[in-house]
Amino acid sequence: MTSETERKRAEAQAARERLVNTVGELGTAVQDAKQRAGERARAAVPYVAGGVGLIAALKIIRRKR
């Protein structure tokens, strides 16, 4: 009876450790995804600014006509 209890405790402990590792991996994956999204957004800023500037310039040119 004792060995069965010890075996179940060991299994439960192993399951807890696997769960902790899985949660840690998911947290790392989320942080990596956030970092990549931020990098992509920062890389797109010059293009967005250029597009906004182009639209503003076209509107100004149209008004002068």
Protein backbone atom coordinates (compact mmCIF):
# COMPACT_ATOMS: atom_id res chain seq x y z
CA MET A 1 0.00 0.00 0.00
CA THR A 2 2.79 2.42 0.85
CA SER A 3 4.62 1.82 -2.40
CA GLU A 4 1.42 2.53 -4.36
CA THR A 5 0.99 5.83 -2.51
CA GLU A 6 4.61 6.76 -3.07
CA ARG A 7 4.30 5.90 -6.77
CA LYS A 8 1.22 8.10 -7.11
CA ARG A 9 2.94 10.94 -5.28
CA ALA A 10 5.93 10.64 -7.60
CA GLU A 11 3.62 10.66 -10.63
CA ALA A 12 1.82 13.73 -9.31
CA GLN A 13 5.13 15.50 -8.68
CA ALA A 14 6.32 14.67 -12.21
CA ALA A 15 3.03 15.94 -13.63
CA ARG A 16 3.40 19.21 -11.67
CA GLU A 17 6.94 19.65 -12.97
CA ARG A 18 5.77 19.06 -16.56
CA LEU A 19 3.00 21.60 -16.07
CA VAL A 20 5.40 24.20 -14.69
CA ASN A 21 7.75 23.64 -17.63
CA THR A 22 4.88 23.92 -20.11
CA VAL A 23 3.64 27.16 -18.56
CA GLY A 24 7.18 28.53 -18.62
CA GLU A 25 7.55 27.64 -22.28
CA LEU A 26 4.23 29.28 -23.12
CA GLY A 27 5.23 32.42 -21.24
CA THR A 28 8.50 32.56 -23.15
CA ALA A 29 6.67 32.06 -26.45
CA VAL A 30 4.28 34.91 -25.65
CA GLN A 31 7.15 37.23 -24.73
CA ASP A 32 8.97 36.33 -27.95
CA ALA A 33 5.84 36.99 -30.00
CA LYS A 34 5.35 40.38 -28.34
CA GLN A 35 8.97 41.27 -29.00
CA ARG A 36 8.72 40.26 -32.68
CA ALA A 37 5.49 42.26 -33.08
CA GLY A 38 7.15 45.31 -31.56
CA GLU A 39 10.15 44.94 -33.85
CA ARG A 40 7.89 44.67 -36.90
CA ALA A 41 5.91 47.72 -35.83
CA ARG A 42 9.09 49.74 -35.34
CA ALA A 43 10.34 48.60 -38.75
CA ALA A 44 7.07 49.73 -40.38
CA VAL A 45 7.09 53.24 -38.87
CA PRO A 46 9.14 54.87 -41.68
CA TYR A 47 6.81 53.44 -44.34
CA VAL A 48 3.70 54.59 -42.50
CA ALA A 49 5.16 58.05 -41.98
CA GLY A 50 6.10 58.23 -45.66
CA GLY A 51 2.57 57.22 -46.68
CA VAL A 52 1.01 59.83 -44.42
CA GLY A 53 3.41 62.46 -45.74
CA LEU A 54 2.59 61.53 -49.33
CA ILE A 55 -1.14 61.77 -48.71
CA ALA A 56 -0.72 65.14 -46.98
CA ALA A 57 1.43 66.44 -49.85
CA LEU A 58 -1.14 65.29 -52.43
CA LYS A 59 -3.95 67.01 -50.53
CA ILE A 60 -1.96 70.24 -50.33
CA ILE A 61 -1.18 70.10 -54.06
CA ARG A 62 -4.86 69.51 -54.87
CA ARG A 63 -5.97 72.51 -52.82
CA LYS A 64 -3.59 74.80 -54.66
CA ARG A 65 -5.11 73.86 -58.03
